[in-house]
Amino acid sequence: MLRGLIAGWSCAFPDDELDLRTQRRHISILRADAQQAKLKVEVSHYPRWARYHAVAVATIAARSDRYDAVLTQNFCPPLSTAPRVVLVHDALFVTNPEWFTKAELLYLSGIRPSLRWANNILTTSDSETARIGAVWPELRTRLVKVGLGVPDGVLQAQPRRPSSLSGEVPFVLAVGRLNVRKNLAGLIEAFIDIARDDPKPHLFIAGSVDGAYAPIVVPDEVSARVHFLGHVTDDELRWLYENCDLFVCPSLDEGYGLPLIEANILGARVIASDIPVFRELAIAVAYFDPRSIAEMAAAIRQGLDTVGSTVAGHLTWDGVVKNIRAAIAK
């Protein structure tokens, strides 16, 4: 995300001076990126002991006599005197704590108290703006939707078939971190229903375990047609998007939906859970109740039989940056 944000900002507002603070292990990569792209960016690192993002943000002391604003994610820096703008991705841990581990809930519980210092809280969608305003009503007057851009890595990648795959088969694709919120167990149940009638398609699932996750048992009858690919590179992900017969996002809820947009941009037909943010994105050719296996299976069948895909508009980083800068200026 930061690479797209910085590149978009430098392109849209070349006279702005940007300072990027990052973890020490990332500093050489980001400096090389900035130099290669000829971006006017100063890159520095957090203290070595600040390993967690919330702690790292707390070390930022941006003075108002030097900076016009400081922009952070999820947590607000209490020591800064410059105007503070915070991008909050979602408040799902408040509305659905059962989807998170105890450690995650403890960590994320610090977001709300830290936001009392923020001048503006940026959000990614109308749906998430409404959620955050509902669970934290004291923030409503400071919420500003700015959107989110697609990471440049996938769009600039050179498609490459994952080495773990062999043979050419039609396949349904799902992408995302493996946790209970992604509802992959439900997707596999729906795929079993599909597999009984159609011996051809396979199911590819790309992503690593992250957060609250219950191991998924795949029945022997479809085990040869369900493939967990784990982490894939940007090159491999682009190949999967471009070659899948259908992209499915069965999430129980989301704050945004970048994989849907990535898949859509790269030509995949998309079906998705019938949740507010996915309706807002207006990309899917069919929607389904994510808790209904029958509806999901019917939507997969419809998607596989559909010719062509819906092409929806999406925000570029240039547009996101202009929205953020307007919020700061206001």
Protein backbone atom coordinates (compact mmCIF):
# COMPACT_ATOMS: atom_id res chain seq x y z
CA MET A 1 0.00 0.00 0.00
CA LEU A 2 2.71 2.50 0.98
CA ARG A 3 4.50 2.15 -2.36
CA GLY A 4 1.34 3.02 -4.29
CA LEU A 5 0.48 5.86 -1.93
CA ILE A 6 3.92 7.47 -2.10
CA ALA A 7 4.24 7.05 -5.88
CA GLY A 8 0.73 8.45 -6.41
CA TRP A 9 1.40 11.40 -4.12
CA SER A 10 4.70 12.27 -5.76
CA CYS A 11 3.07 12.12 -9.18
CA ALA A 12 -0.02 14.15 -8.25
CA PHE A 13 1.80 16.71 -6.09
CA PRO A 14 5.47 16.79 -7.13
CA ASP A 15 6.20 19.91 -5.07
CA ASP A 16 5.15 18.31 -1.78
CA GLU A 17 7.94 17.14 0.51
CA LEU A 18 7.32 13.64 1.89
CA ASP A 19 8.97 11.87 4.82
CA LEU A 20 8.32 8.14 5.05
CA ARG A 21 8.84 6.32 8.36
CA THR A 22 9.11 2.53 8.17
CA GLN A 23 10.44 -0.50 10.00
CA ARG A 24 14.23 -0.80 9.88
CA ARG A 25 14.13 -4.06 7.87
CA HIS A 26 12.25 -2.34 5.03
CA ILE A 27 14.28 0.84 4.73
CA SER A 28 16.81 -0.27 2.09
CA ILE A 29 14.04 -1.61 -0.18
CA LEU A 30 11.98 1.57 0.08
CA ARG A 31 14.98 3.81 -0.49
CA ALA A 32 15.88 1.82 -3.61
CA ASP A 33 12.27 2.05 -4.85
CA ALA A 34 12.20 5.81 -4.28
CA GLN A 35 15.53 6.32 -6.05
CA GLN A 36 14.52 4.17 -9.02
CA ALA A 37 11.21 6.00 -9.42
CA LYS A 38 12.94 9.37 -8.84
CA LEU A 39 10.57 10.23 -6.00
CA LYS A 40 11.25 13.16 -3.69
CA VAL A 41 10.95 11.18 -0.48
CA GLU A 42 13.02 11.06 2.70
CA VAL A 43 13.00 7.57 4.23
CA SER A 44 13.82 6.94 7.88
CA HIS A 45 13.14 4.11 10.30
CA TYR A 46 11.42 3.61 13.63
CA PRO A 47 13.50 2.68 16.69
CA ARG A 48 14.68 -0.91 16.54
CA TRP A 49 12.67 -1.83 19.64
CA ALA A 50 9.37 -0.58 18.14
CA ARG A 51 8.41 -3.89 16.54
CA TYR A 52 4.65 -3.47 16.56
CA HIS A 53 2.88 -0.91 14.40
CA ALA A 54 0.97 0.67 17.31
CA VAL A 55 4.19 1.16 19.27
CA ALA A 56 6.04 2.47 16.21
CA VAL A 57 3.32 5.06 15.52
CA ALA A 58 3.52 6.20 19.15
CA THR A 59 7.18 7.17 18.61
CA ILE A 60 6.32 9.68 15.86
CA ALA A 61 6.77 13.25 17.10
CA ALA A 62 5.99 15.37 14.03
CA ARG A 63 6.20 19.06 15.00
CA SER A 64 3.76 21.56 13.54
CA ASP A 65 6.62 23.96 12.70
CA ARG A 66 8.12 21.35 10.39
CA TYR A 67 5.20 19.29 9.03
CA ASP A 68 1.83 20.29 7.62
CA ALA A 69 0.37 16.91 8.59
CA VAL A 70 1.20 13.37 9.66
CA LEU A 71 -0.64 10.43 8.09
CA THR A 72 -0.75 7.03 9.82
CA GLN A 73 -2.77 3.82 9.66
CA ASN A 74 -5.19 2.68 12.41
CA PHE A 75 -3.31 4.33 15.29
CA CYS A 76 -2.79 8.05 15.95
CA PRO A 77 0.61 9.37 17.18
CA PRO A 78 -0.01 11.05 20.57
CA LEU A 79 3.29 12.96 20.60
CA SER A 80 2.81 14.81 17.31
CA THR A 81 1.74 18.46 17.25
CA ALA A 82 1.19 18.60 13.47
CA PRO A 83 -2.37 17.88 12.28
CA ARG A 84 -2.95 14.12 12.51
CA VAL A 85 -4.87 12.10 9.90
CA VAL A 86 -5.44 8.37 10.41
CA LEU A 87 -6.62 5.80 7.86
CA VAL A 88 -8.75 3.19 9.65
CA HIS A 89 -9.32 0.13 7.49
CA ASP A 90 -12.27 -1.36 9.38
CA ALA A 91 -13.97 -1.87 12.75
CA LEU A 92 -14.94 -5.50 12.20
CA PHE A 93 -13.22 -6.51 15.44
CA VAL A 94 -15.87 -4.48 17.28
CA THR A 95 -18.95 -5.80 15.48
CA ASN A 96 -17.69 -9.39 15.13
CA PRO A 97 -15.09 -10.18 17.80
CA GLU A 98 -15.64 -13.92 17.23
CA TRP A 99 -13.62 -13.63 14.01
CA PHE A 100 -10.46 -12.56 15.86
CA THR A 101 -8.01 -14.11 18.30
CA LYS A 102 -7.71 -12.81 21.86
CA ALA A 103 -4.29 -11.36 21.02
CA GLU A 104 -5.70 -9.53 17.99
CA LEU A 105 -8.60 -8.11 20.02
CA LEU A 106 -6.25 -6.89 22.73
CA TYR A 107 -4.00 -5.18 20.19
CA LEU A 108 -6.84 -3.64 18.17
CA SER A 109 -8.59 -2.35 21.29
CA GLY A 110 -6.04 0.48 21.34
CA ILE A 111 -7.36 1.99 18.09
CA ARG A 112 -10.39 3.78 19.52
CA PRO A 113 -8.65 5.59 22.42
CA SER A 114 -5.77 6.64 20.15
CA LEU A 115 -8.17 8.29 17.67
CA ARG A 116 -9.16 10.99 20.15
CA TRP A 117 -6.03 12.86 19.01
CA ALA A 118 -6.86 12.59 15.28
CA ASN A 119 -8.06 15.63 13.35
CA ASN A 120 -9.61 13.40 10.67
CA ILE A 121 -10.25 9.67 10.37
CA LEU A 122 -10.04 8.41 6.79
CA THR A 123 -12.11 5.44 5.61
CA THR A 124 -12.08 3.27 2.50
CA SER A 125 -15.80 2.86 1.68
CA ASP A 126 -19.25 4.23 2.44
CA SER A 127 -20.11 0.93 4.11
CA GLU A 128 -17.16 1.05 6.47
CA THR A 129 -17.72 4.74 7.18
CA ALA A 130 -21.22 3.84 8.37
CA ARG A 131 -19.90 0.96 10.51
CA ILE A 132 -17.21 3.05 12.19
CA GLY A 133 -19.69 5.86 12.85
CA ALA A 134 -22.11 3.38 14.41
CA VAL A 135 -19.64 1.71 16.79
CA TRP A 136 -17.67 4.89 17.63
CA PRO A 137 -20.25 7.71 17.41
CA GLU A 138 -17.85 10.31 18.79
CA LEU A 139 -15.89 10.07 15.52
CA ARG A 140 -18.77 10.72 13.11
CA THR A 141 -17.97 14.38 12.43
CA ARG A 142 -14.33 13.53 11.65
CA LEU A 143 -14.89 10.65 9.21
CA VAL A 144 -13.86 11.19 5.58
CA LYS A 145 -14.09 8.51 2.88
CA VAL A 146 -11.04 8.53 0.60
CA GLY A 147 -11.15 5.06 -0.99
CA LEU A 148 -8.25 2.70 -1.60
CA GLY A 149 -6.05 1.97 -4.59
CA VAL A 150 -4.99 -1.40 -5.98
CA PRO A 151 -1.37 -2.33 -5.10
CA ASP A 152 0.93 -1.68 -8.04
CA GLY A 153 2.76 -4.98 -7.59
CA VAL A 154 0.05 -7.17 -9.13
CA LEU A 155 -0.80 -4.74 -11.94
CA GLN A 156 2.86 -4.41 -12.95
CA ALA A 157 3.70 -8.11 -12.52
CA GLN A 158 4.63 -10.51 -15.30
CA PRO A 159 2.16 -13.44 -15.16
CA ARG A 160 3.80 -16.72 -14.20
CA ARG A 161 2.11 -20.05 -13.55
CA PRO A 162 2.62 -21.24 -9.92
CA SER A 163 5.24 -23.98 -9.91
CA SER A 164 3.07 -26.13 -7.63
CA LEU A 165 0.48 -26.57 -10.38
CA SER A 166 0.67 -29.27 -13.02
CA GLY A 167 -1.61 -29.84 -15.97
CA GLU A 168 -4.24 -27.58 -17.49
CA VAL A 169 -7.60 -27.63 -15.71
CA PRO A 170 -10.52 -25.20 -15.48
CA PHE A 171 -10.53 -23.65 -12.02
CA VAL A 172 -12.43 -21.47 -9.58
CA LEU A 173 -10.17 -19.10 -7.62
CA ALA A 174 -10.36 -17.61 -4.11
CA VAL A 175 -7.69 -15.24 -2.76
CA GLY A 176 -7.12 -13.93 0.75
CA ARG A 177 -5.77 -14.63 4.20
CA LEU A 178 -6.98 -17.92 5.62
CA ASN A 179 -9.16 -17.07 8.60
CA VAL A 180 -12.73 -17.69 9.70
CA ARG A 181 -13.98 -14.40 8.25
CA LYS A 182 -13.00 -15.50 4.73
CA ASN A 183 -15.53 -18.36 4.96
CA LEU A 184 -13.45 -20.84 2.98
CA ALA A 185 -15.07 -23.81 4.71
CA GLY A 186 -18.39 -22.66 3.26
CA LEU A 187 -16.82 -22.25 -0.17
CA ILE A 188 -15.48 -25.80 -0.08
CA GLU A 189 -18.91 -27.14 0.89
CA ALA A 190 -20.43 -25.29 -2.07
CA PHE A 191 -17.68 -26.62 -4.34
CA ILE A 192 -18.46 -30.19 -3.22
CA ASP A 193 -22.01 -29.63 -4.47
CA ILE A 194 -20.63 -28.39 -7.79
CA ALA A 195 -18.16 -31.28 -8.08
CA ARG A 196 -20.91 -33.88 -7.79
CA ASP A 197 -22.44 -32.62 -11.05
CA ASP A 198 -19.39 -31.41 -12.94
CA PRO A 199 -16.16 -33.44 -12.97
CA LYS A 200 -14.06 -30.74 -14.65
CA PRO A 201 -13.45 -27.65 -12.44
CA HIS A 202 -10.90 -27.47 -9.64
CA LEU A 203 -10.79 -25.02 -6.71
CA PHE A 204 -7.60 -23.01 -6.10
CA ILE A 205 -7.22 -21.13 -2.81
CA ALA A 206 -4.31 -18.66 -2.55
CA GLY A 207 -3.32 -17.26 0.85
CA SER A 208 -1.65 -18.08 4.14
CA VAL A 209 -3.12 -18.71 7.59
CA ASP A 210 -3.50 -15.42 9.47
CA GLY A 211 -5.55 -14.83 12.62
CA ALA A 212 -8.42 -16.94 13.92
CA TYR A 213 -8.50 -20.06 11.77
CA ALA A 214 -10.10 -23.48 12.10
CA PRO A 215 -8.44 -26.20 9.99
CA ILE A 216 -10.60 -27.15 7.02
CA VAL A 217 -11.24 -30.83 6.42
CA VAL A 218 -11.56 -31.57 2.72
CA PRO A 219 -13.53 -34.77 1.99
CA ASP A 220 -11.63 -37.48 0.14
CA GLU A 221 -14.11 -37.31 -2.73
CA VAL A 222 -12.86 -33.83 -3.77
CA SER A 223 -9.40 -33.71 -2.18
CA ALA A 224 -7.70 -34.08 -5.57
CA ARG A 225 -9.60 -31.04 -6.89
CA VAL A 226 -9.12 -28.61 -3.97
CA HIS A 227 -5.68 -26.96 -3.95
CA PHE A 228 -4.31 -24.76 -1.14
CA LEU A 229 -1.54 -22.78 -2.82
CA GLY A 230 -0.37 -20.87 0.26
CA HIS A 231 1.45 -17.59 -0.32
CA VAL A 232 1.91 -16.73 -4.00
CA THR A 233 4.06 -14.05 -5.62
CA ASP A 234 2.59 -11.08 -7.50
CA ASP A 235 3.57 -12.75 -10.78
CA GLU A 236 1.77 -15.96 -9.81
CA LEU A 237 -1.26 -14.07 -8.51
CA ARG A 238 -1.62 -12.21 -11.77
CA TRP A 239 -1.49 -15.51 -13.68
CA LEU A 240 -4.21 -16.94 -11.44
CA TYR A 241 -6.47 -13.91 -11.95
CA GLU A 242 -5.98 -13.96 -15.71
CA ASN A 243 -6.53 -17.69 -16.14
CA CYS A 244 -9.29 -18.56 -13.68
CA ASP A 245 -12.73 -19.44 -14.99
CA LEU A 246 -14.35 -17.68 -12.03
CA PHE A 247 -13.21 -15.64 -9.04
CA VAL A 248 -15.19 -16.16 -5.81
CA CYS A 249 -15.10 -14.03 -2.66
CA PRO A 250 -17.22 -15.74 0.04
CA SER A 251 -16.26 -13.45 2.96
CA LEU A 252 -18.72 -13.02 5.81
CA ASP A 253 -17.87 -9.30 5.85
CA GLU A 254 -15.10 -6.91 4.75
CA GLY A 255 -14.05 -3.31 5.12
CA TYR A 256 -13.19 -3.10 1.43
CA GLY A 257 -12.43 -5.70 -1.28
CA LEU A 258 -9.13 -5.27 -3.08
CA PRO A 259 -8.96 -8.85 -4.43
CA LEU A 260 -12.31 -8.33 -6.17
CA ILE A 261 -11.01 -5.19 -7.86
CA GLU A 262 -7.71 -6.84 -8.81
CA ALA A 263 -9.53 -9.81 -10.33
CA ASN A 264 -11.94 -7.52 -12.20
CA ILE A 265 -9.17 -5.33 -13.63
CA LEU A 266 -7.34 -8.42 -14.88
CA GLY A 267 -10.40 -9.79 -16.64
CA ALA A 268 -11.81 -12.39 -14.26
CA ARG A 269 -15.54 -12.96 -13.80
CA VAL A 270 -16.36 -12.25 -10.17
CA ILE A 271 -19.08 -13.49 -7.82
CA ALA A 272 -19.21 -12.32 -4.23
CA SER A 273 -20.97 -12.36 -0.90
CA ASP A 274 -24.04 -10.17 -0.70
CA ILE A 275 -22.57 -7.72 1.82
CA PRO A 276 -22.80 -3.91 1.65
CA VAL A 277 -19.23 -3.14 0.59
CA PHE A 278 -19.27 -5.67 -2.28
CA ARG A 279 -22.55 -4.21 -3.53
CA GLU A 280 -20.93 -0.79 -3.30
CA LEU A 281 -18.03 -1.93 -5.50
CA ALA A 282 -20.53 -3.10 -8.18
CA ILE A 283 -18.20 -5.66 -9.72
CA ALA A 284 -19.79 -9.09 -9.25
CA VAL A 285 -21.91 -10.80 -11.90
CA ALA A 286 -23.79 -12.60 -9.10
CA TYR A 287 -24.18 -12.26 -5.32
CA PHE A 288 -25.02 -14.84 -2.68
CA ASP A 289 -25.73 -15.15 1.03
CA PRO A 290 -22.31 -16.26 2.38
CA ARG A 291 -24.01 -18.37 5.05
CA SER A 292 -26.09 -20.28 2.51
CA ILE A 293 -24.22 -23.15 0.85
CA ALA A 294 -27.06 -23.62 -1.64
CA GLU A 295 -26.99 -19.96 -2.72
CA MET A 296 -23.21 -20.00 -3.05
CA ALA A 297 -23.27 -23.15 -5.17
CA ALA A 298 -26.00 -21.67 -7.39
CA ALA A 299 -23.96 -18.46 -7.83
CA ILE A 300 -20.86 -20.47 -8.78
CA ARG A 301 -22.85 -22.34 -11.41
CA GLN A 302 -24.24 -19.05 -12.72
CA GLY A 303 -20.79 -17.49 -12.79
CA LEU A 304 -19.26 -20.41 -14.66
CA ASP A 305 -22.04 -20.20 -17.25
CA THR A 306 -21.82 -16.41 -17.67
CA VAL A 307 -20.12 -15.01 -20.75
CA GLY A 308 -18.01 -11.91 -20.17
CA SER A 309 -17.63 -9.92 -16.97
CA THR A 310 -18.74 -6.68 -15.39
CA VAL A 311 -16.14 -3.92 -15.76
CA ALA A 312 -16.48 -1.41 -12.94
CA GLY A 313 -14.68 1.83 -12.28
CA HIS A 314 -12.09 1.91 -9.53
CA LEU A 315 -9.95 4.47 -7.77
CA THR A 316 -6.33 4.85 -8.78
CA TRP A 317 -3.76 5.91 -6.20
CA ASP A 318 -3.79 9.33 -7.86
CA GLY A 319 -7.48 9.65 -6.95
CA VAL A 320 -6.99 8.34 -3.42
CA VAL A 321 -4.11 10.74 -2.80
CA LYS A 322 -6.14 13.71 -4.00
CA ASN A 323 -8.92 12.74 -1.60
CA ILE A 324 -6.47 12.41 1.31
CA ARG A 325 -4.79 15.71 0.55
CA ALA A 326 -8.16 17.46 0.30
CA ALA A 327 -9.08 16.07 3.74
CA ILE A 328 -5.79 17.36 5.15
CA ALA A 329 -6.22 20.80 3.55
CA LYS A 330 -9.76 21.07 4.89
